[in-house]
Amino acid sequence: MSFDRQLRGAILPVLFIIVGAVLLLNTLDVVDWAIWPKVVRLWPVVVIGFGANLLIQHFRRTRR
């Protein structure tokens, strides 16, 4: 199995872990829900970071 397939297969479980951790932190009153409007407002940063990561991986593969 190639690394790309492994990475694609890991995205959904990692997403569930992150969402679960955030919900747990909220339940334990570590993170307050008042922060979410700021997080939602900055979601494009996550998309940009993901895209930059894909580009970096592409250029690293083409160098070999």
PDB file of N, CA and C in Angstrom:
ATOM      1  N   MET A   1       0.849  -1.171   0.000  1.00  0.00           N
ATOM      2  CA  MET A   1       0.000   0.000   0.000  1.00  0.00           C
ATOM      3  C   MET A   1       0.900   1.241   0.000  1.00  0.00           C
ATOM      4  N   SER A   2       0.624   2.185  -0.868  1.00  0.00           N
ATOM      5  CA  SER A   2       1.458   3.375  -0.971  1.00  0.00           C
ATOM      6  C   SER A   2       1.194   4.322   0.203  1.00  0.00           C
ATOM      7  N   PHE A   3       2.136   5.221   0.387  1.00  0.00           N
ATOM      8  CA  PHE A   3       2.017   6.192   1.477  1.00  0.00           C
ATOM      9  C   PHE A   3       0.812   7.095   1.276  1.00  0.00           C
ATOM     10  N   ASP A   4       0.530   7.481   0.024  1.00  0.00           N
ATOM     11  CA  ASP A   4      -0.622   8.348  -0.250  1.00  0.00           C
ATOM     12  C   ASP A   4      -1.928   7.686   0.160  1.00  0.00           C
ATOM     13  N   ARG A   5      -2.063   6.409  -0.127  1.00  0.00           N
ATOM     14  CA  ARG A   5      -3.288   5.694   0.264  1.00  0.00           C
ATOM     15  C   ARG A   5      -3.402   5.614   1.777  1.00  0.00           C
ATOM     16  N   GLN A   6      -2.271   5.383   2.434  1.00  0.00           N
ATOM     17  CA  GLN A   6      -2.287   5.329   3.895  1.00  0.00           C
ATOM     18  C   GLN A   6      -2.684   6.682   4.474  1.00  0.00           C
ATOM     19  N   LEU A   7      -2.156   7.755   3.876  1.00  0.00           N
ATOM     20  CA  LEU A   7      -2.489   9.094   4.355  1.00  0.00           C
ATOM     21  C   LEU A   7      -3.960   9.385   4.155  1.00  0.00           C
ATOM     22  N   ARG A   8      -4.499   9.059   2.993  1.00  0.00           N
ATOM     23  CA  ARG A   8      -5.925   9.292   2.734  1.00  0.00           C
ATOM     24  C   ARG A   8      -6.789   8.475   3.677  1.00  0.00           C
ATOM     25  N   GLY A   9      -6.356   7.277   3.990  1.00  0.00           N
ATOM     26  CA  GLY A   9      -7.112   6.431   4.899  1.00  0.00           C
ATOM     27  C   GLY A   9      -7.060   6.903   6.340  1.00  0.00           C
ATOM     28  N   ALA A  10      -6.099   7.747   6.659  1.00  0.00           N
ATOM     29  CA  ALA A  10      -5.946   8.222   8.035  1.00  0.00           C
ATOM     30  C   ALA A  10      -6.646   9.548   8.280  1.00  0.00           C
ATOM     31  N   ILE A  11      -7.075  10.234   7.243  1.00  0.00           N
ATOM     32  CA  ILE A  11      -7.653  11.566   7.414  1.00  0.00           C
ATOM     33  C   ILE A  11      -8.941  11.523   8.231  1.00  0.00           C
ATOM     34  N   LEU A  12      -9.854  10.644   7.890  1.00  0.00           N
ATOM     35  CA  LEU A  12     -11.134  10.584   8.603  1.00  0.00           C
ATOM     36  C   LEU A  12     -10.959  10.186  10.071  1.00  0.00           C
ATOM     37  N   PRO A  13     -10.170   9.157  10.379  1.00  0.00           N
ATOM     38  CA  PRO A  13      -9.976   8.838  11.799  1.00  0.00           C
ATOM     39  C   PRO A  13      -9.330   9.984  12.586  1.00  0.00           C
ATOM     40  N   VAL A  14      -8.385  10.672  11.982  1.00  0.00           N
ATOM     41  CA  VAL A  14      -7.752  11.803  12.663  1.00  0.00           C
ATOM     42  C   VAL A  14      -8.769  12.909  12.895  1.00  0.00           C
ATOM     43  N   LEU A  15      -9.632  13.134  11.925  1.00  0.00           N
ATOM     44  CA  LEU A  15     -10.684  14.138  12.081  1.00  0.00           C
ATOM     45  C   LEU A  15     -11.610  13.781  13.243  1.00  0.00           C
ATOM     46  N   PHE A  16     -11.994  12.512  13.336  1.00  0.00           N
ATOM     47  CA  PHE A  16     -12.842  12.075  14.451  1.00  0.00           C
ATOM     48  C   PHE A  16     -12.134  12.257  15.792  1.00  0.00           C
ATOM     49  N   ILE A  17     -10.848  11.966  15.838  1.00  0.00           N
ATOM     50  CA  ILE A  17     -10.093  12.128  17.079  1.00  0.00           C
ATOM     51  C   ILE A  17     -10.052  13.596  17.491  1.00  0.00           C
ATOM     52  N   ILE A  18      -9.823  14.476  16.524  1.00  0.00           N
ATOM     53  CA  ILE A  18      -9.767  15.909  16.830  1.00  0.00           C
ATOM     54  C   ILE A  18     -11.115  16.409  17.327  1.00  0.00           C
ATOM     55  N   VAL A  19     -12.183  16.040  16.631  1.00  0.00           N
ATOM     56  CA  VAL A  19     -13.523  16.472  17.046  1.00  0.00           C
ATOM     57  C   VAL A  19     -13.856  15.910  18.424  1.00  0.00           C
ATOM     58  N   GLY A  20     -13.533  14.652  18.651  1.00  0.00           N
ATOM     59  CA  GLY A  20     -13.787  14.042  19.955  1.00  0.00           C
ATOM     60  C   GLY A  20     -12.999  14.710  21.066  1.00  0.00           C
ATOM     61  N   ALA A  21     -11.743  15.047  20.784  1.00  0.00           N
ATOM     62  CA  ALA A  21     -10.917  15.719  21.789  1.00  0.00           C
ATOM     63  C   ALA A  21     -11.473  17.100  22.121  1.00  0.00           C
ATOM     64  N   VAL A  22     -11.923  17.811  21.103  1.00  0.00           N
ATOM     65  CA  VAL A  22     -12.499  19.139  21.336  1.00  0.00           C
ATOM     66  C   VAL A  22     -13.774  19.031  22.165  1.00  0.00           C
ATOM     67  N   LEU A  23     -14.624  18.069  21.830  1.00  0.00           N
ATOM     68  CA  LEU A  23     -15.854  17.891  22.600  1.00  0.00           C
ATOM     69  C   LEU A  23     -15.559  17.483  24.040  1.00  0.00           C
ATOM     70  N   LEU A  24     -14.550  16.637  24.229  1.00  0.00           N
ATOM     71  CA  LEU A  24     -14.159  16.243  25.579  1.00  0.00           C
ATOM     72  C   LEU A  24     -13.633  17.438  26.366  1.00  0.00           C
ATOM     73  N   LEU A  25     -12.791  18.243  25.734  1.00  0.00           N
ATOM     74  CA  LEU A  25     -12.274  19.431  26.410  1.00  0.00           C
ATOM     75  C   LEU A  25     -13.393  20.393  26.771  1.00  0.00           C
ATOM     76  N   ASN A  26     -14.396  20.485  25.920  1.00  0.00           N
ATOM     77  CA  ASN A  26     -15.541  21.338  26.240  1.00  0.00           C
ATOM     78  C   ASN A  26     -16.323  20.768  27.418  1.00  0.00           C
ATOM     79  N   THR A  27     -16.514  19.455  27.435  1.00  0.00           N
ATOM     80  CA  THR A  27     -17.239  18.808  28.527  1.00  0.00           C
ATOM     81  C   THR A  27     -16.517  19.005  29.860  1.00  0.00           C
ATOM     82  N   LEU A  28     -15.197  18.980  29.823  1.00  0.00           N
ATOM     83  CA  LEU A  28     -14.402  19.163  31.036  1.00  0.00           C
ATOM     84  C   LEU A  28     -14.185  20.638  31.373  1.00  0.00           C
ATOM     85  N   ASP A  29     -14.827  21.527  30.629  1.00  0.00           N
ATOM     86  CA  ASP A  29     -14.713  22.978  30.817  1.00  0.00           C
ATOM     87  C   ASP A  29     -13.287  23.489  30.657  1.00  0.00           C
ATOM     88  N   VAL A  30     -12.515  22.818  29.830  1.00  0.00           N
ATOM     89  CA  VAL A  30     -11.173  23.298  29.501  1.00  0.00           C
ATOM     90  C   VAL A  30     -11.261  24.325  28.381  1.00  0.00           C
ATOM     91  N   VAL A  31     -12.144  24.058  27.417  1.00  0.00           N
ATOM     92  CA  VAL A  31     -12.382  24.968  26.297  1.00  0.00           C
ATOM     93  C   VAL A  31     -13.819  25.456  26.401  1.00  0.00           C
ATOM     94  N   ASP A  32     -13.980  26.753  26.335  1.00  0.00           N
ATOM     95  CA  ASP A  32     -15.312  27.341  26.416  1.00  0.00           C
ATOM     96  C   ASP A  32     -15.888  27.478  25.010  1.00  0.00           C
ATOM     97  N   TRP A  33     -17.193  27.306  24.864  1.00  0.00           N
ATOM     98  CA  TRP A  33     -17.840  27.417  23.555  1.00  0.00           C
ATOM     99  C   TRP A  33     -17.731  28.820  22.987  1.00  0.00           C
ATOM    100  N   ALA A  34     -17.428  29.802  23.817  1.00  0.00           N
ATOM    101  CA  ALA A  34     -17.322  31.174  23.322  1.00  0.00           C
ATOM    102  C   ALA A  34     -16.176  31.345  22.330  1.00  0.00           C
ATOM    103  N   ILE A  35     -15.237  30.417  22.318  1.00  0.00           N
ATOM    104  CA  ILE A  35     -14.110  30.506  21.393  1.00  0.00           C
ATOM    105  C   ILE A  35     -14.502  30.088  19.971  1.00  0.00           C
ATOM    106  N   TRP A  36     -15.588  29.360  19.805  1.00  0.00           N
ATOM    107  CA  TRP A  36     -15.934  28.786  18.504  1.00  0.00           C
ATOM    108  C   TRP A  36     -16.235  29.799  17.411  1.00  0.00           C
ATOM    109  N   PRO A  37     -16.836  30.939  17.708  1.00  0.00           N
ATOM    110  CA  PRO A  37     -17.001  31.916  16.615  1.00  0.00           C
ATOM    111  C   PRO A  37     -15.664  32.337  15.998  1.00  0.00           C
ATOM    112  N   LYS A  38     -14.626  32.440  16.823  1.00  0.00           N
ATOM    113  CA  LYS A  38     -13.296  32.782  16.303  1.00  0.00           C
ATOM    114  C   LYS A  38     -12.724  31.631  15.487  1.00  0.00           C
ATOM    115  N   VAL A  39     -12.903  30.412  15.970  1.00  0.00           N
ATOM    116  CA  VAL A  39     -12.396  29.241  15.248  1.00  0.00           C
ATOM    117  C   VAL A  39     -13.101  29.099  13.906  1.00  0.00           C
ATOM    118  N   VAL A  40     -14.402  29.255  13.896  1.00  0.00           N
ATOM    119  CA  VAL A  40     -15.169  29.136  12.655  1.00  0.00           C
ATOM    120  C   VAL A  40     -14.753  30.224  11.674  1.00  0.00           C
ATOM    121  N   ARG A  41     -14.456  31.382  12.188  1.00  0.00           N
ATOM    122  CA  ARG A  41     -14.040  32.488  11.324  1.00  0.00           C
ATOM    123  C   ARG A  41     -12.687  32.224  10.674  1.00  0.00           C
ATOM    124  N   LEU A  42     -11.834  31.451  11.321  1.00  0.00           N
ATOM    125  CA  LEU A  42     -10.489  31.188  10.809  1.00  0.00           C
ATOM    126  C   LEU A  42     -10.354  29.849  10.086  1.00  0.00           C
ATOM    127  N   TRP A  43     -11.458  29.167   9.767  1.00  0.00           N
ATOM    128  CA  TRP A  43     -11.362  27.854   9.133  1.00  0.00           C
ATOM    129  C   TRP A  43     -10.635  27.881   7.794  1.00  0.00           C
ATOM    130  N   PRO A  44     -10.658  28.976   7.037  1.00  0.00           N
ATOM    131  CA  PRO A  44      -9.895  28.956   5.778  1.00  0.00           C
ATOM    132  C   PRO A  44      -8.399  28.743   5.983  1.00  0.00           C
ATOM    133  N   VAL A  45      -7.880  29.109   7.149  1.00  0.00           N
ATOM    134  CA  VAL A  45      -6.465  28.889   7.427  1.00  0.00           C
ATOM    135  C   VAL A  45      -6.151  27.392   7.400  1.00  0.00           C
ATOM    136  N   VAL A  46      -7.059  26.577   7.894  1.00  0.00           N
ATOM    137  CA  VAL A  46      -6.874  25.125   7.872  1.00  0.00           C
ATOM    138  C   VAL A  46      -6.841  24.625   6.433  1.00  0.00           C
ATOM    139  N   VAL A  47      -7.727  25.130   5.603  1.00  0.00           N
ATOM    140  CA  VAL A  47      -7.769  24.721   4.198  1.00  0.00           C
ATOM    141  C   VAL A  47      -6.481  25.138   3.489  1.00  0.00           C
ATOM    142  N   ILE A  48      -6.003  26.346   3.750  1.00  0.00           N
ATOM    143  CA  ILE A  48      -4.762  26.817   3.139  1.00  0.00           C
ATOM    144  C   ILE A  48      -3.586  25.951   3.596  1.00  0.00           C
ATOM    145  N   GLY A  49      -3.540  25.633   4.872  1.00  0.00           N
ATOM    146  CA  GLY A  49      -2.476  24.772   5.388  1.00  0.00           C
ATOM    147  C   GLY A  49      -2.501  23.393   4.765  1.00  0.00           C
ATOM    148  N   PHE A  50      -3.685  22.834   4.599  1.00  0.00           N
ATOM    149  CA  PHE A  50      -3.818  21.518   3.974  1.00  0.00           C
ATOM    150  C   PHE A  50      -3.345  21.574   2.522  1.00  0.00           C
ATOM    151  N   GLY A  51      -3.742  22.616   1.802  1.00  0.00           N
ATOM    152  CA  GLY A  51      -3.311  22.768   0.411  1.00  0.00           C
ATOM    153  C   GLY A  51      -1.810  22.958   0.292  1.00  0.00           C
ATOM    154  N   ALA A  52      -1.230  23.747   1.188  1.00  0.00           N
ATOM    155  CA  ALA A  52       0.221  23.947   1.180  1.00  0.00           C
ATOM    156  C   ALA A  52       0.946  22.637   1.443  1.00  0.00           C
ATOM    157  N   ASN A  53       0.409  21.842   2.344  1.00  0.00           N
ATOM    158  CA  ASN A  53       0.998  20.537   2.631  1.00  0.00           C
ATOM    159  C   ASN A  53       0.960  19.643   1.395  1.00  0.00           C
ATOM    160  N   LEU A  54      -0.145  19.644   0.680  1.00  0.00           N
ATOM    161  CA  LEU A  54      -0.244  18.848  -0.545  1.00  0.00           C
ATOM    162  C   LEU A  54       0.770  19.305  -1.588  1.00  0.00           C
ATOM    163  N   LEU A  55       0.934  20.611  -1.745  1.00  0.00           N
ATOM    164  CA  LEU A  55       1.919  21.124  -2.703  1.00  0.00           C
ATOM    165  C   LEU A  55       3.340  20.726  -2.323  1.00  0.00           C
ATOM    166  N   ILE A  56       3.670  20.837  -1.060  1.00  0.00           N
ATOM    167  CA  ILE A  56       5.007  20.465  -0.596  1.00  0.00           C
ATOM    168  C   ILE A  56       5.268  18.991  -0.866  1.00  0.00           C
ATOM    169  N   GLN A  57       4.293  18.143  -0.572  1.00  0.00           N
ATOM    170  CA  GLN A  57       4.452  16.711  -0.842  1.00  0.00           C
ATOM    171  C   GLN A  57       4.637  16.453  -2.326  1.00  0.00           C
ATOM    172  N   HIS A  58       3.891  17.158  -3.165  1.00  0.00           N
ATOM    173  CA  HIS A  58       3.998  16.980  -4.613  1.00  0.00           C
ATOM    174  C   HIS A  58       5.401  17.335  -5.101  1.00  0.00           C
ATOM    175  N   PHE A  59       5.921  18.470  -4.666  1.00  0.00           N
ATOM    176  CA  PHE A  59       7.244  18.889  -5.120  1.00  0.00           C
ATOM    177  C   PHE A  59       8.346  18.001  -4.565  1.00  0.00           C
ATOM    178  N   ARG A  60       8.172  17.468  -3.390  1.00  0.00           N
ATOM    179  CA  ARG A  60       9.166  16.534  -2.845  1.00  0.00           C
ATOM    180  C   ARG A  60       9.189  15.243  -3.650  1.00  0.00           C
ATOM    181  N   ARG A  61       8.014  14.779  -4.076  1.00  0.00           N
ATOM    182  CA  ARG A  61       7.946  13.551  -4.878  1.00  0.00           C
ATOM    183  C   ARG A  61       8.558  13.747  -6.256  1.00  0.00           C
ATOM    184  N   THR A  62       8.347  14.911  -6.870  1.00  0.00           N
ATOM    185  CA  THR A  62       8.853  15.137  -8.224  1.00  0.00           C
ATOM    186  C   THR A  62      10.356  15.352  -8.234  1.00  0.00           C
ATOM    187  N   ARG A  63      10.957  15.714  -7.116  1.00  0.00           N
ATOM    188  CA  ARG A  63      12.416  15.874  -7.041  1.00  0.00           C
ATOM    189  C   ARG A  63      13.137  14.541  -7.106  1.00  0.00           C
ATOM    190  N   ARG A  64      12.535  13.504  -6.651  1.00  0.00           N
ATOM    191  CA  ARG A  64      13.200  12.187  -6.563  1.00  0.00           C
ATOM    192  C   ARG A  64      13.396  11.571  -7.896  1.00  0.00           C
TER     193      ARG A  64
END
